[in-house]
Each structure stands twice: as C-alpha cells, then as structure tokens.
Amino acid sequence: MTHYRDNRVPGGTFFFTVHLLDRNSTLLTDQFSAFGEAMRQARIRKPFHVDAWVVLPNHAHAIWTLPPGDHDCATRWRAVKIAFSKALNKTCMPGTGDGTIWERHYRAYRVSGDEEYASLIDYVHGNPVRHGFCQHPADWPWSSLHRFVAAGFTAPAQPLALPPWMRTPSQPAQIVYP
C-alpha cells in the first residue's frame, strides 16, 4: 500500500494546480463565476488567503497561505471542487458519466521563501501566455494579475520564470518564449 505524505506546514504558503478530467474542457472559464463562488464558499467554511490565482479553461493555479496552526489543504480543495460540481449540476452541465469532472489529485508545492514566492506569482500570472491563450499576461481576464497591477505591481516580464520543480542545476531559472 502506498503511504502518501502530506506536506504539513501549519500556516504555510502553497502553490497548487488543479485539473479537470477532460483536458479539452473549457468549463473553468465558461463557468468562471461558479468557480469563484466555490472558492468563496470554501474560504468561508475554512479560511485561507488567496495570494494569487489564474483560471485557464481546463485547470487552475493558485497560491494560498493557510492560517497559523493549520495545514489542511485537502479539505479546502475538496470543498472547492464539490461546490463547483454542484453548481454545474444545478445548471444541468454534464460531467462524465458518473458526474465526476475533476482529477482526483492536485499538485501542491510548499513555497519556501520570498524569492520563490515572487517567482511563483509570476509563473501563475504568465501561465495563459505559456499556453498560448494571450500575448501578454494582462490580456487574460481570469487572473489575480489585475489586482496586483491595481495595487502598483508590474506584470511579469519576458522571459517568464520556470517554477522550481522544472528547474535543474544546469538549467536557468528563466526560459524565453516567442
């Protein structure tokens, strides 16, 4: 039996990626308001701070900071996924045959410092460009970048940073995209 270890850092900051089962789906952007409402409901039940986020058609990235003494990311993501799925069921949006629309697991990465945090924020905001959905991160409407720009921060510049798990000692922290 496989024993999964959760990265239990009470009050830690984490980078997440969640995917829909159907990689060709556009449900997350088509039903963005339902996804946002699902996130809001989850935050009411079990508070956390959403530092940054981006929603793409079939997956989303988020950076969350949990309250001191709390490390329960799984319950929070479960609540988001359930609330979004229920909202779709109410509007008669079909999922898969059994109603499942989400991949069971999500990717979680604990953010270990300020430099990594800044790099991951840029990664999140640059993801629509990386996937070819727009030419500049500010062109993508479903992103916290707009909140950052309104607060006086600048949009990520080219070249866009790679996340820590994609870097190797021989590979630079940045890669140039056309």
Protein backbone atom coordinates (compact mmCIF):
# COMPACT_ATOMS: atom_id res chain seq x y z
CA MET A 1 0.00 0.00 0.00
CA THR A 2 1.27 3.47 -0.86
CA HIS A 3 1.54 5.88 2.04
CA TYR A 4 1.16 9.45 0.87
CA ARG A 5 2.81 12.12 2.95
CA ASP A 6 1.11 15.47 3.05
CA ASN A 7 3.37 18.50 3.26
CA ARG A 8 2.12 19.56 6.69
CA VAL A 9 3.37 23.05 7.31
CA PRO A 10 0.94 24.87 9.60
CA GLY A 11 0.31 28.36 8.30
CA GLY A 12 2.45 27.69 5.23
CA THR A 13 2.14 29.12 1.74
CA PHE A 14 1.46 26.65 -1.06
CA PHE A 15 1.31 26.64 -4.85
CA PHE A 16 -1.44 24.44 -6.33
CA THR A 17 -2.52 23.13 -9.70
CA VAL A 18 -5.94 21.51 -10.12
CA HIS A 19 -7.11 19.90 -13.39
CA LEU A 20 -10.39 18.87 -14.89
CA LEU A 21 -10.57 15.26 -16.08
CA ASP A 22 -11.32 16.37 -19.62
CA ARG A 23 -8.18 18.17 -20.81
CA ASN A 24 -10.20 19.58 -23.75
CA SER A 25 -12.82 21.12 -21.49
CA THR A 26 -13.40 24.86 -21.14
CA LEU A 27 -15.65 24.58 -18.09
CA LEU A 28 -13.47 26.65 -15.76
CA THR A 29 -13.51 29.74 -17.94
CA ASP A 30 -17.05 29.11 -19.27
CA GLN A 31 -18.31 28.84 -15.70
CA PHE A 32 -15.82 31.18 -14.05
CA SER A 33 -18.37 32.79 -11.75
CA ALA A 34 -19.34 29.36 -10.38
CA PHE A 35 -15.66 28.55 -9.75
CA GLY A 36 -15.15 31.89 -8.00
CA GLU A 37 -18.24 31.29 -5.87
CA ALA A 38 -17.00 27.80 -4.98
CA MET A 39 -13.71 29.32 -3.83
CA ARG A 40 -15.56 31.96 -1.79
CA GLN A 41 -17.71 29.30 -0.09
CA ALA A 42 -14.66 27.21 0.78
CA ARG A 43 -12.94 30.28 2.30
CA ILE A 44 -15.98 30.96 4.49
CA ARG A 45 -16.02 27.41 5.86
CA LYS A 46 -12.27 27.05 6.35
CA PRO A 47 -10.46 30.38 5.90
CA PHE A 48 -7.29 30.84 3.88
CA HIS A 49 -5.73 33.70 1.94
CA VAL A 50 -5.62 33.53 -1.86
CA ASP A 51 -2.29 35.21 -2.63
CA ALA A 52 -2.51 34.71 -6.42
CA TRP A 53 -4.52 32.68 -8.93
CA VAL A 54 -5.20 32.10 -12.58
CA VAL A 55 -8.03 30.12 -14.14
CA LEU A 56 -7.50 28.53 -17.54
CA PRO A 57 -10.10 26.53 -19.50
CA ASN A 58 -9.20 23.12 -18.03
CA HIS A 59 -7.02 23.86 -15.00
CA ALA A 60 -6.25 26.47 -12.39
CA HIS A 61 -3.21 27.55 -10.40
CA ALA A 62 -3.39 29.18 -7.00
CA ILE A 63 -1.09 30.29 -4.23
CA TRP A 64 -2.68 30.09 -0.80
CA THR A 65 -1.47 30.98 2.67
CA LEU A 66 -3.14 28.99 5.42
CA PRO A 67 -3.87 30.32 8.92
CA PRO A 68 -1.28 29.73 11.66
CA GLY A 69 -1.53 26.19 13.02
CA ASP A 70 -3.49 24.90 10.01
CA HIS A 71 -2.17 22.62 7.25
CA ASP A 72 -5.39 21.21 5.80
CA CYS A 73 -5.18 21.97 2.08
CA ALA A 74 -7.06 18.82 1.06
CA THR A 75 -10.32 19.71 2.79
CA ARG A 76 -10.26 23.15 1.24
CA TRP A 77 -9.72 21.86 -2.31
CA ARG A 78 -12.34 19.18 -1.78
CA ALA A 79 -14.82 21.90 -0.78
CA VAL A 80 -13.98 24.00 -3.88
CA LYS A 81 -14.34 21.02 -6.21
CA ILE A 82 -17.61 19.85 -4.66
CA ALA A 83 -19.18 23.32 -4.69
CA PHE A 84 -18.18 23.87 -8.33
CA SER A 85 -19.50 20.45 -9.36
CA LYS A 86 -22.79 21.07 -7.55
CA ALA A 87 -23.17 24.45 -9.26
CA LEU A 88 -22.70 22.76 -12.64
CA ASN A 89 -25.24 20.07 -11.76
CA LYS A 90 -27.79 22.78 -10.89
CA THR A 91 -27.33 24.33 -14.32
CA CYS A 92 -27.54 20.90 -15.97
CA MET A 93 -23.96 20.98 -17.22
CA PRO A 94 -22.88 17.41 -17.97
CA GLY A 95 -19.78 15.97 -16.34
CA THR A 96 -18.53 12.50 -17.06
CA GLY A 97 -20.90 9.53 -16.92
CA ASP A 98 -20.66 9.36 -13.12
CA GLY A 99 -20.74 13.16 -12.65
CA THR A 100 -17.02 13.43 -11.94
CA ILE A 101 -15.33 16.39 -13.62
CA TRP A 102 -12.15 16.81 -11.55
CA GLU A 103 -8.93 14.87 -11.48
CA ARG A 104 -8.80 13.25 -8.08
CA HIS A 105 -5.46 14.67 -7.01
CA TYR A 106 -3.92 18.09 -7.24
CA ARG A 107 -0.33 19.27 -7.36
CA ALA A 108 0.86 21.05 -4.23
CA TYR A 109 4.22 22.67 -3.67
CA ARG A 110 5.25 24.41 -0.46
CA VAL A 111 6.70 27.86 -1.10
CA SER A 112 9.94 28.15 0.81
CA GLY A 113 10.98 31.78 0.59
CA ASP A 114 10.39 35.28 -0.75
CA GLU A 115 12.33 34.79 -4.00
CA GLU A 116 10.48 31.57 -4.75
CA TYR A 117 7.18 33.23 -3.83
CA ALA A 118 7.79 36.09 -6.30
CA SER A 119 8.83 33.63 -8.99
CA LEU A 120 5.69 31.54 -8.50
CA ILE A 121 3.45 34.62 -8.60
CA ASP A 122 5.00 35.47 -11.99
CA TYR A 123 4.59 31.84 -13.10
CA VAL A 124 0.88 31.91 -12.18
CA HIS A 125 0.26 35.20 -13.94
CA GLY A 126 2.30 34.21 -17.01
CA ASN A 127 0.60 30.83 -17.46
CA PRO A 128 -2.00 32.00 -20.04
CA VAL A 129 0.85 33.28 -22.24
CA ARG A 130 2.72 30.00 -21.79
CA HIS A 131 -0.36 28.12 -23.03
CA GLY A 132 -0.87 30.45 -25.99
CA PHE A 133 -4.16 31.97 -24.81
CA CYS A 134 -2.88 35.54 -25.00
CA GLN A 135 0.21 37.58 -25.89
CA HIS A 136 0.61 39.35 -22.54
CA PRO A 137 -0.45 38.25 -19.03
CA ALA A 138 -2.56 41.40 -18.57
CA ASP A 139 -4.71 40.32 -21.54
CA TRP A 140 -6.09 37.30 -19.64
CA PRO A 141 -9.25 38.23 -17.69
CA TRP A 142 -9.29 35.30 -15.24
CA SER A 143 -6.25 36.17 -13.15
CA SER A 144 -5.29 37.94 -9.95
CA LEU A 145 -2.76 39.91 -12.01
CA HIS A 146 -5.34 42.68 -12.36
CA ARG A 147 -5.48 43.00 -8.55
CA PHE A 148 -1.67 43.15 -8.46
CA VAL A 149 -1.47 45.83 -11.15
CA ALA A 150 -4.15 47.90 -9.38
CA ALA A 151 -2.00 47.70 -6.22
CA GLY A 152 1.00 49.10 -8.11
CA PHE A 153 2.89 45.95 -9.07
CA THR A 154 4.06 45.30 -12.62
CA ALA A 155 3.05 42.38 -14.81
CA PRO A 156 5.64 39.62 -15.29
CA ALA A 157 8.17 40.43 -17.97
CA GLN A 158 9.52 38.18 -20.68
CA PRO A 159 11.25 35.81 -20.32
CA LEU A 160 8.81 34.07 -17.99
CA ALA A 161 10.18 32.23 -14.98
CA LEU A 162 10.02 28.46 -14.64
CA PRO A 163 8.64 27.02 -11.42
CA PRO A 164 11.19 25.45 -9.02
CA TRP A 165 10.24 21.84 -9.82
CA MET A 166 11.02 22.41 -13.54
CA ARG A 167 14.50 23.80 -12.96
CA THR A 168 17.66 21.76 -12.91
CA PRO A 169 21.11 22.89 -11.75
CA SER A 170 22.21 23.20 -15.38
CA GLN A 171 19.03 25.00 -16.45
CA PRO A 172 18.48 28.73 -15.91
CA ALA A 173 15.56 29.95 -13.83
CA GLN A 174 14.03 31.58 -16.89
CA ILE A 175 13.11 30.49 -20.37
CA VAL A 176 12.39 32.68 -23.38
CA TYR A 177 9.03 32.32 -25.09
CA PRO A 178 8.38 33.76 -28.55
